[in-house]
Amino acid sequence: MLFDILKSRRSIRKFQNKEVEKEKIDVILKSALLSPSSRSIRPWQFIAVTDAVLIRQLSLCRGPASQFLSGAPLAIVVLADKTSSDAWIEDTSIAATIIQLTVQDLDLGSCWIQVRERFHTEQETAGDYIREVLEIPEQYRVECMIAIGYPAEEKKPYEESTLLYQKLHYNKF
């Protein structure tokens, strides 16, 4: 049940030294392609990175905030053609969420690494750094990367009793 997947999905930053099977990567990527988008424009693109050298380079995009990526066997870079849709940020965010839910359903772990509006250095954005590393054309913008692998840490599922029910409203605020 999707509700159970949502309760058990936690951000995983430590991964086993074990490859993610090609079959699972294919399911994750096909799931991303099923993501809804504004007016069905589908401005998103996905780069699955399994090369350890490239993953290490990508892990440097945001200093300490992204270094844990170097321990992941798989990174998916979520990007979009910013010229094709005014809702590219929303569309890529939805796709990234679909990726994370699919990963959880496959008994893998994941963690979102925010890229858009973040910096590699004072002079260079994290997105520009990633575009250079992965040879991404100029019109594309990176929203995020998802670190994926077999978890090497265990986190308890969320408990319904701890949900922030005060943030729920019916009919009016």
N, C-alpha and C. Protein backbone atom coordinates (compact mmCIF):
# COMPACT_ATOMS: atom_id res chain seq x y z
N MET A 1 0.84 -1.17 0.00
CA MET A 1 0.00 0.00 0.00
C MET A 1 0.90 1.25 0.00
N LEU A 2 0.55 2.23 -0.79
CA LEU A 2 1.34 3.44 -0.92
C LEU A 2 1.53 4.13 0.43
N PHE A 3 0.51 4.13 1.28
CA PHE A 3 0.63 4.77 2.59
C PHE A 3 1.76 4.15 3.41
N ASP A 4 1.90 2.83 3.34
CA ASP A 4 2.98 2.15 4.06
C ASP A 4 4.35 2.52 3.49
N ILE A 5 4.43 2.66 2.17
CA ILE A 5 5.69 3.08 1.54
C ILE A 5 6.04 4.49 2.00
N LEU A 6 5.05 5.38 2.07
CA LEU A 6 5.29 6.75 2.51
C LEU A 6 5.77 6.79 3.97
N LYS A 7 5.20 5.95 4.82
CA LYS A 7 5.60 5.93 6.22
C LYS A 7 7.02 5.39 6.39
N SER A 8 7.40 4.42 5.55
CA SER A 8 8.72 3.79 5.73
C SER A 8 9.84 4.51 4.99
N ARG A 9 9.50 5.39 4.02
CA ARG A 9 10.54 6.07 3.25
C ARG A 9 11.23 7.11 4.13
N ARG A 10 12.53 6.93 4.30
CA ARG A 10 13.35 7.86 5.08
C ARG A 10 14.58 8.21 4.24
N SER A 11 15.18 9.33 4.52
CA SER A 11 16.39 9.73 3.80
C SER A 11 17.56 8.86 4.25
N ILE A 12 18.13 8.15 3.31
CA ILE A 12 19.26 7.24 3.58
C ILE A 12 20.52 7.86 2.99
N ARG A 13 21.53 8.01 3.82
CA ARG A 13 22.79 8.62 3.38
C ARG A 13 23.98 7.66 3.47
N LYS A 14 23.73 6.44 3.94
CA LYS A 14 24.79 5.43 4.03
C LYS A 14 24.31 4.21 3.26
N PHE A 15 25.18 3.75 2.35
CA PHE A 15 24.80 2.67 1.45
C PHE A 15 25.78 1.52 1.52
N GLN A 16 25.27 0.31 1.29
CA GLN A 16 26.12 -0.87 1.20
C GLN A 16 26.96 -0.78 -0.08
N ASN A 17 28.10 -1.44 -0.04
CA ASN A 17 28.96 -1.50 -1.22
C ASN A 17 28.43 -2.60 -2.13
N LYS A 18 27.29 -2.32 -2.75
CA LYS A 18 26.59 -3.32 -3.56
C LYS A 18 25.92 -2.59 -4.71
N GLU A 19 26.14 -3.06 -5.91
CA GLU A 19 25.54 -2.43 -7.10
C GLU A 19 24.03 -2.58 -7.08
N VAL A 20 23.36 -1.60 -7.66
CA VAL A 20 21.92 -1.71 -7.90
C VAL A 20 21.76 -2.42 -9.25
N GLU A 21 20.96 -3.47 -9.26
CA GLU A 21 20.79 -4.28 -10.45
C GLU A 21 20.19 -3.46 -11.59
N LYS A 22 20.62 -3.78 -12.80
CA LYS A 22 20.14 -3.09 -14.01
C LYS A 22 18.62 -3.14 -14.10
N GLU A 23 18.03 -4.27 -13.74
CA GLU A 23 16.58 -4.41 -13.80
C GLU A 23 15.89 -3.40 -12.89
N LYS A 24 16.46 -3.17 -11.71
CA LYS A 24 15.88 -2.19 -10.79
C LYS A 24 16.08 -0.77 -11.31
N ILE A 25 17.24 -0.49 -11.88
CA ILE A 25 17.48 0.84 -12.45
C ILE A 25 16.48 1.10 -13.57
N ASP A 26 16.23 0.10 -14.39
CA ASP A 26 15.26 0.25 -15.48
C ASP A 26 13.87 0.57 -14.94
N VAL A 27 13.44 -0.11 -13.88
CA VAL A 27 12.12 0.16 -13.29
C VAL A 27 12.06 1.59 -12.74
N ILE A 28 13.14 2.01 -12.09
CA ILE A 28 13.19 3.37 -11.53
C ILE A 28 13.06 4.40 -12.65
N LEU A 29 13.81 4.20 -13.72
CA LEU A 29 13.78 5.17 -14.82
C LEU A 29 12.45 5.16 -15.56
N LYS A 30 11.87 3.98 -15.76
CA LYS A 30 10.55 3.92 -16.41
C LYS A 30 9.49 4.59 -15.54
N SER A 31 9.62 4.43 -14.23
CA SER A 31 8.69 5.09 -13.32
C SER A 31 8.81 6.60 -13.44
N ALA A 32 10.03 7.09 -13.56
CA ALA A 32 10.24 8.54 -13.73
C ALA A 32 9.55 9.03 -15.00
N LEU A 33 9.63 8.23 -16.06
CA LEU A 33 8.99 8.62 -17.32
C LEU A 33 7.46 8.62 -17.22
N LEU A 34 6.92 7.95 -16.22
CA LEU A 34 5.47 7.95 -16.01
C LEU A 34 5.00 9.13 -15.16
N SER A 35 5.93 9.95 -14.71
CA SER A 35 5.58 11.09 -13.86
C SER A 35 4.68 12.08 -14.60
N PRO A 36 3.68 12.59 -13.91
CA PRO A 36 2.85 13.61 -14.54
C PRO A 36 3.63 14.92 -14.71
N SER A 37 3.21 15.70 -15.69
CA SER A 37 3.82 17.01 -15.88
C SER A 37 2.76 17.98 -16.39
N SER A 38 3.01 19.24 -16.17
CA SER A 38 2.08 20.29 -16.60
C SER A 38 1.85 20.21 -18.11
N ARG A 39 0.61 20.14 -18.50
CA ARG A 39 0.20 20.08 -19.91
C ARG A 39 0.87 18.93 -20.66
N SER A 40 1.33 17.93 -19.94
CA SER A 40 2.03 16.76 -20.52
C SER A 40 3.21 17.16 -21.40
N ILE A 41 3.86 18.25 -21.04
CA ILE A 41 5.03 18.70 -21.80
C ILE A 41 6.23 17.78 -21.55
N ARG A 42 6.31 17.25 -20.35
CA ARG A 42 7.41 16.35 -19.96
C ARG A 42 8.77 16.97 -20.25
N PRO A 43 9.08 18.09 -19.60
CA PRO A 43 10.34 18.77 -19.87
C PRO A 43 11.56 18.10 -19.25
N TRP A 44 11.31 17.08 -18.40
CA TRP A 44 12.39 16.48 -17.64
C TRP A 44 13.25 15.54 -18.47
N GLN A 45 14.46 15.37 -17.96
CA GLN A 45 15.43 14.39 -18.48
C GLN A 45 16.05 13.75 -17.23
N PHE A 46 16.55 12.54 -17.38
CA PHE A 46 17.13 11.82 -16.25
C PHE A 46 18.46 11.21 -16.67
N ILE A 47 19.47 11.41 -15.86
CA ILE A 47 20.78 10.80 -16.12
C ILE A 47 21.07 9.84 -14.98
N ALA A 48 21.14 8.55 -15.30
CA ALA A 48 21.50 7.54 -14.31
C ALA A 48 23.02 7.40 -14.34
N VAL A 49 23.64 7.64 -13.22
CA VAL A 49 25.10 7.60 -13.12
C VAL A 49 25.49 6.43 -12.22
N THR A 50 26.24 5.49 -12.80
CA THR A 50 26.73 4.34 -12.04
C THR A 50 28.25 4.30 -11.98
N ASP A 51 28.91 5.14 -12.76
CA ASP A 51 30.36 5.21 -12.78
C ASP A 51 30.85 5.85 -11.48
N ALA A 52 31.65 5.09 -10.70
CA ALA A 52 32.09 5.55 -9.38
C ALA A 52 32.89 6.84 -9.45
N VAL A 53 33.69 7.02 -10.49
CA VAL A 53 34.48 8.24 -10.62
C VAL A 53 33.56 9.45 -10.82
N LEU A 54 32.57 9.30 -11.69
CA LEU A 54 31.61 10.38 -11.91
C LEU A 54 30.79 10.67 -10.65
N ILE A 55 30.39 9.63 -9.94
CA ILE A 55 29.62 9.83 -8.70
C ILE A 55 30.46 10.60 -7.69
N ARG A 56 31.75 10.27 -7.59
CA ARG A 56 32.63 11.02 -6.67
C ARG A 56 32.70 12.49 -7.08
N GLN A 57 32.82 12.75 -8.38
CA GLN A 57 32.85 14.14 -8.86
C GLN A 57 31.55 14.84 -8.51
N LEU A 58 30.43 14.19 -8.75
CA LEU A 58 29.13 14.79 -8.45
C LEU A 58 28.96 15.06 -6.95
N SER A 59 29.56 14.21 -6.13
CA SER A 59 29.43 14.37 -4.68
C SER A 59 30.08 15.65 -4.18
N LEU A 60 30.87 16.30 -5.01
CA LEU A 60 31.54 17.55 -4.63
C LEU A 60 30.72 18.78 -4.99
N CYS A 61 29.55 18.59 -5.56
CA CYS A 61 28.78 19.73 -6.09
C CYS A 61 28.38 20.72 -5.01
N ARG A 62 28.21 20.30 -3.76
CA ARG A 62 27.77 21.19 -2.69
C ARG A 62 28.58 21.04 -1.41
N GLY A 63 29.82 20.66 -1.52
CA GLY A 63 30.64 20.51 -0.32
C GLY A 63 30.11 19.43 0.59
N PRO A 64 30.13 19.68 1.91
CA PRO A 64 29.70 18.65 2.87
C PRO A 64 28.26 18.17 2.68
N ALA A 65 27.39 19.02 2.16
CA ALA A 65 25.97 18.66 2.01
C ALA A 65 25.74 17.55 1.00
N SER A 66 26.68 17.34 0.09
CA SER A 66 26.49 16.32 -0.94
C SER A 66 27.54 15.22 -0.90
N GLN A 67 28.46 15.26 0.03
CA GLN A 67 29.56 14.30 0.04
C GLN A 67 29.13 12.86 0.23
N PHE A 68 28.00 12.63 0.91
CA PHE A 68 27.54 11.26 1.12
C PHE A 68 27.23 10.55 -0.19
N LEU A 69 27.00 11.31 -1.25
CA LEU A 69 26.71 10.70 -2.56
C LEU A 69 27.85 9.79 -3.00
N SER A 70 29.07 10.09 -2.59
CA SER A 70 30.22 9.28 -3.02
C SER A 70 30.10 7.83 -2.59
N GLY A 71 29.28 7.53 -1.58
CA GLY A 71 29.09 6.17 -1.12
C GLY A 71 27.93 5.45 -1.78
N ALA A 72 27.23 6.13 -2.67
CA ALA A 72 26.07 5.53 -3.34
C ALA A 72 26.51 4.86 -4.64
N PRO A 73 25.93 3.71 -4.96
CA PRO A 73 26.28 3.06 -6.22
C PRO A 73 25.52 3.64 -7.42
N LEU A 74 24.51 4.46 -7.15
CA LEU A 74 23.69 5.03 -8.21
C LEU A 74 23.27 6.44 -7.85
N ALA A 75 23.39 7.33 -8.82
CA ALA A 75 22.85 8.69 -8.68
C ALA A 75 21.98 8.95 -9.89
N ILE A 76 20.82 9.52 -9.66
CA ILE A 76 19.99 9.95 -10.78
C ILE A 76 19.91 11.46 -10.72
N VAL A 77 20.35 12.08 -11.81
CA VAL A 77 20.30 13.53 -11.94
C VAL A 77 18.99 13.87 -12.63
N VAL A 78 18.22 14.74 -12.00
CA VAL A 78 16.91 15.13 -12.52
C VAL A 78 17.04 16.56 -13.04
N LEU A 79 16.79 16.73 -14.34
CA LEU A 79 16.97 18.03 -14.96
C LEU A 79 15.86 18.28 -15.96
N ALA A 80 15.77 19.51 -16.46
CA ALA A 80 14.73 19.83 -17.43
C ALA A 80 15.19 20.94 -18.35
N ASP A 81 14.55 20.97 -19.51
CA ASP A 81 14.74 22.05 -20.47
C ASP A 81 13.90 23.22 -19.97
N LYS A 82 14.55 24.22 -19.42
CA LYS A 82 13.84 25.36 -18.82
C LYS A 82 13.09 26.17 -19.86
N THR A 83 13.43 26.03 -21.13
CA THR A 83 12.75 26.81 -22.17
C THR A 83 11.45 26.16 -22.64
N SER A 84 11.22 24.91 -22.26
CA SER A 84 10.05 24.20 -22.77
C SER A 84 8.81 24.31 -21.88
N SER A 85 9.00 24.70 -20.63
CA SER A 85 7.86 24.76 -19.71
C SER A 85 8.13 25.73 -18.57
N ASP A 86 7.10 26.50 -18.22
CA ASP A 86 7.24 27.40 -17.07
C ASP A 86 7.05 26.64 -15.75
N ALA A 87 6.69 25.36 -15.84
CA ALA A 87 6.47 24.55 -14.65
C ALA A 87 7.56 23.46 -14.52
N TRP A 88 8.73 23.71 -15.08
CA TRP A 88 9.78 22.69 -15.05
C TRP A 88 10.22 22.34 -13.64
N ILE A 89 10.20 23.31 -12.74
CA ILE A 89 10.61 23.04 -11.35
C ILE A 89 9.62 22.07 -10.70
N GLU A 90 8.34 22.36 -10.87
CA GLU A 90 7.32 21.49 -10.31
C GLU A 90 7.38 20.10 -10.95
N ASP A 91 7.52 20.08 -12.27
CA ASP A 91 7.54 18.80 -12.98
C ASP A 91 8.72 17.93 -12.56
N THR A 92 9.90 18.52 -12.41
CA THR A 92 11.06 17.74 -11.99
C THR A 92 10.93 17.30 -10.53
N SER A 93 10.32 18.14 -9.71
CA SER A 93 10.12 17.77 -8.30
C SER A 93 9.18 16.59 -8.17
N ILE A 94 8.12 16.59 -8.97
CA ILE A 94 7.19 15.45 -8.96
C ILE A 94 7.93 14.19 -9.41
N ALA A 95 8.70 14.29 -10.48
CA ALA A 95 9.45 13.13 -10.99
C ALA A 95 10.44 12.61 -9.95
N ALA A 96 11.12 13.51 -9.26
CA ALA A 96 12.07 13.09 -8.24
C ALA A 96 11.37 12.35 -7.10
N THR A 97 10.18 12.80 -6.76
CA THR A 97 9.40 12.13 -5.72
C THR A 97 8.97 10.74 -6.18
N ILE A 98 8.53 10.64 -7.43
CA ILE A 98 8.17 9.33 -7.99
C ILE A 98 9.38 8.39 -7.95
N ILE A 99 10.55 8.91 -8.28
CA ILE A 99 11.78 8.11 -8.22
C ILE A 99 11.99 7.59 -6.80
N GLN A 100 11.88 8.46 -5.81
CA GLN A 100 12.13 8.05 -4.43
C GLN A 100 11.10 7.03 -3.94
N LEU A 101 9.86 7.17 -4.34
CA LEU A 101 8.84 6.20 -3.92
C LEU A 101 9.07 4.85 -4.60
N THR A 102 9.47 4.88 -5.86
CA THR A 102 9.79 3.63 -6.57
C THR A 102 10.98 2.94 -5.92
N VAL A 103 12.01 3.72 -5.59
CA VAL A 103 13.20 3.18 -4.92
C VAL A 103 12.80 2.48 -3.62
N GLN A 104 11.95 3.12 -2.85
CA GLN A 104 11.50 2.54 -1.58
C GLN A 104 10.76 1.23 -1.82
N ASP A 105 9.92 1.22 -2.84
CA ASP A 105 9.14 0.02 -3.17
C ASP A 105 10.05 -1.14 -3.60
N LEU A 106 11.24 -0.82 -4.12
CA LEU A 106 12.21 -1.84 -4.55
C LEU A 106 13.17 -2.24 -3.43
N ASP A 107 12.87 -1.83 -2.19
CA ASP A 107 13.70 -2.14 -1.01
C ASP A 107 15.10 -1.54 -1.10
N LEU A 108 15.18 -0.39 -1.75
CA LEU A 108 16.41 0.39 -1.80
C LEU A 108 16.21 1.63 -0.94
N GLY A 109 17.28 2.38 -0.74
CA GLY A 109 17.20 3.63 -0.01
C GLY A 109 17.60 4.78 -0.91
N SER A 110 17.18 5.99 -0.53
CA SER A 110 17.51 7.16 -1.34
C SER A 110 17.56 8.42 -0.49
N CYS A 111 18.17 9.44 -1.07
CA CYS A 111 18.17 10.76 -0.45
C CYS A 111 18.26 11.81 -1.55
N TRP A 112 17.40 12.80 -1.47
CA TRP A 112 17.35 13.93 -2.39
C TRP A 112 18.50 14.87 -2.06
N ILE A 113 19.21 15.30 -3.09
CA ILE A 113 20.24 16.35 -2.94
C ILE A 113 19.76 17.54 -3.77
N GLN A 114 19.39 18.61 -3.09
CA GLN A 114 18.92 19.80 -3.78
C GLN A 114 20.07 20.44 -4.54
N VAL A 115 19.82 20.82 -5.80
CA VAL A 115 20.85 21.43 -6.63
C VAL A 115 20.45 22.85 -7.05
N ARG A 116 19.22 22.99 -7.54
CA ARG A 116 18.77 24.32 -8.01
C ARG A 116 18.87 25.32 -6.86
N GLU A 117 19.43 26.48 -7.15
CA GLU A 117 19.60 27.57 -6.18
C GLU A 117 20.65 27.26 -5.10
N ARG A 118 21.49 26.26 -5.33
CA ARG A 118 22.58 25.95 -4.40
C ARG A 118 23.90 26.21 -5.11
N PHE A 119 24.98 26.28 -4.33
CA PHE A 119 26.27 26.68 -4.89
C PHE A 119 27.35 25.64 -4.66
N HIS A 120 28.22 25.53 -5.68
CA HIS A 120 29.43 24.71 -5.61
C HIS A 120 30.53 25.56 -4.98
N THR A 121 30.70 26.75 -5.49
CA THR A 121 31.62 27.75 -4.93
C THR A 121 30.87 29.08 -4.93
N GLU A 122 31.50 30.11 -4.42
CA GLU A 122 30.86 31.43 -4.42
C GLU A 122 30.59 31.91 -5.84
N GLN A 123 31.39 31.47 -6.79
CA GLN A 123 31.25 31.93 -8.18
C GLN A 123 30.47 30.96 -9.07
N GLU A 124 30.30 29.72 -8.65
CA GLU A 124 29.70 28.72 -9.53
C GLU A 124 28.55 27.99 -8.83
N THR A 125 27.42 27.90 -9.52
CA THR A 125 26.30 27.16 -8.94
C THR A 125 26.58 25.66 -8.98
N ALA A 126 25.88 24.94 -8.12
CA ALA A 126 25.99 23.48 -8.13
C ALA A 126 25.50 22.93 -9.47
N GLY A 127 24.45 23.53 -10.01
CA GLY A 127 23.93 23.08 -11.30
C GLY A 127 24.91 23.26 -12.43
N ASP A 128 25.60 24.40 -12.46
CA ASP A 128 26.60 24.62 -13.50
C ASP A 128 27.76 23.62 -13.37
N TYR A 129 28.15 23.34 -12.14
CA TYR A 129 29.20 22.36 -11.90
C TYR A 129 28.78 20.99 -12.45
N ILE A 130 27.57 20.57 -12.15
CA ILE A 130 27.06 19.27 -12.61
C ILE A 130 26.93 19.26 -14.14
N ARG A 131 26.45 20.36 -14.71
CA ARG A 131 26.31 20.43 -16.17
C ARG A 131 27.67 20.24 -16.83
N GLU A 132 28.71 20.81 -16.23
CA GLU A 132 30.05 20.66 -16.80
C GLU A 132 30.55 19.22 -16.66
N VAL A 133 30.38 18.62 -15.50
CA VAL A 133 30.85 17.25 -15.26
C VAL A 133 30.16 16.27 -16.21
N LEU A 134 28.85 16.45 -16.43
CA LEU A 134 28.09 15.49 -17.22
C LEU A 134 27.83 15.95 -18.66
N GLU A 135 28.44 17.06 -19.05
CA GLU A 135 28.32 17.58 -20.42
C GLU A 135 26.86 17.81 -20.82
N ILE A 136 26.12 18.46 -19.94
CA ILE A 136 24.71 18.77 -20.17
C ILE A 136 24.59 20.07 -20.95
N PRO A 137 23.77 20.09 -22.01
CA PRO A 137 23.61 21.32 -22.80
C PRO A 137 23.08 22.50 -21.98
N GLU A 138 23.37 23.69 -22.45
CA GLU A 138 23.11 24.95 -21.75
C GLU A 138 21.65 25.16 -21.36
N GLN A 139 20.70 24.76 -22.20
CA GLN A 139 19.29 25.08 -21.91
C GLN A 139 18.69 24.25 -20.78
N TYR A 140 19.44 23.27 -20.27
CA TYR A 140 18.94 22.42 -19.20
C TYR A 140 19.37 22.94 -17.83
N ARG A 141 18.47 22.76 -16.87
CA ARG A 141 18.75 23.12 -15.48
C ARG A 141 18.56 21.88 -14.61
N VAL A 142 19.47 21.70 -13.67
CA VAL A 142 19.41 20.56 -12.75
C VAL A 142 18.58 20.97 -11.53
N GLU A 143 17.57 20.19 -11.25
CA GLU A 143 16.75 20.41 -10.05
C GLU A 143 17.40 19.73 -8.85
N CYS A 144 17.76 18.45 -9.02
CA CYS A 144 18.28 17.70 -7.89
C CYS A 144 19.00 16.45 -8.38
N MET A 145 19.63 15.79 -7.45
CA MET A 145 20.17 14.45 -7.67
C MET A 145 19.57 13.56 -6.59
N ILE A 146 19.35 12.31 -6.95
CA ILE A 146 18.87 11.34 -5.97
C ILE A 146 19.96 10.29 -5.79
N ALA A 147 20.47 10.18 -4.57
CA ALA A 147 21.43 9.13 -4.22
C ALA A 147 20.62 7.87 -3.94
N ILE A 148 21.05 6.74 -4.52
CA ILE A 148 20.28 5.50 -4.42
C ILE A 148 21.22 4.32 -4.16
N GLY A 149 20.77 3.40 -3.33
CA GLY A 149 21.51 2.17 -3.09
C GLY A 149 20.84 1.33 -2.02
N TYR A 150 21.48 0.22 -1.72
CA TYR A 150 21.00 -0.63 -0.64
C TYR A 150 21.39 0.04 0.68
N PRO A 151 20.44 0.25 1.57
CA PRO A 151 20.74 0.97 2.82
C PRO A 151 21.77 0.26 3.69
N ALA A 152 22.67 1.06 4.26
CA ALA A 152 23.62 0.55 5.25
C ALA A 152 23.31 1.19 6.60
N GLU A 153 22.11 1.72 6.72
CA GLU A 153 21.62 2.26 7.98
C GLU A 153 20.13 1.96 8.05
N GLU A 154 19.64 1.85 9.26
CA GLU A 154 18.22 1.55 9.43
C GLU A 154 17.56 2.69 10.18
N LYS A 155 16.44 3.13 9.63
CA LYS A 155 15.68 4.19 10.27
C LYS A 155 14.25 3.71 10.46
N LYS A 156 13.70 4.03 11.61
CA LYS A 156 12.34 3.60 11.91
C LYS A 156 11.34 4.32 11.01
N PRO A 157 10.27 3.63 10.64
CA PRO A 157 9.22 4.31 9.87
C PRO A 157 8.58 5.41 10.71
N TYR A 158 7.96 6.34 10.03
CA TYR A 158 7.22 7.38 10.74
C TYR A 158 6.02 6.73 11.43
N GLU A 159 5.66 7.28 12.58
CA GLU A 159 4.49 6.80 13.30
C GLU A 159 3.35 7.79 13.08
N GLU A 160 2.16 7.26 12.85
CA GLU A 160 1.02 8.13 12.59
C GLU A 160 0.77 9.10 13.73
N SER A 161 1.07 8.69 14.94
CA SER A 161 0.83 9.55 16.11
C SER A 161 1.71 10.80 16.10
N THR A 162 2.79 10.79 15.32
CA THR A 162 3.69 11.96 15.29
C THR A 162 3.42 12.88 14.10
N LEU A 163 2.44 12.54 13.27
CA LEU A 163 2.13 13.40 12.13
C LEU A 163 1.63 14.76 12.61
N LEU A 164 1.89 15.77 11.84
CA LEU A 164 1.53 17.15 12.21
C LEU A 164 0.09 17.44 11.80
N TYR A 165 -0.83 16.85 12.52
CA TYR A 165 -2.24 16.98 12.19
C TYR A 165 -2.73 18.42 12.24
N GLN A 166 -2.05 19.27 13.00
CA GLN A 166 -2.46 20.67 13.09
C GLN A 166 -2.27 21.41 11.76
N LYS A 167 -1.58 20.80 10.82
CA LYS A 167 -1.37 21.41 9.51
C LYS A 167 -2.47 21.02 8.51
N LEU A 168 -3.42 20.24 8.95
CA LEU A 168 -4.53 19.83 8.10
C LEU A 168 -5.74 20.72 8.34
N HIS A 169 -6.40 21.08 7.27
CA HIS A 169 -7.57 21.95 7.34
C HIS A 169 -8.64 21.43 6.41
N TYR A 170 -9.88 21.66 6.74
CA TYR A 170 -11.00 21.26 5.89
C TYR A 170 -11.83 22.49 5.56
N ASN A 171 -12.13 22.64 4.30
CA ASN A 171 -12.97 23.70 3.78
C ASN A 171 -12.36 25.09 3.86
N LYS A 172 -11.90 25.51 5.03
CA LYS A 172 -11.25 26.80 5.19
C LYS A 172 -10.04 26.63 6.09
N PHE A 173 -9.13 27.61 6.05
CA PHE A 173 -7.93 27.54 6.87
C PHE A 173 -8.32 27.48 8.34
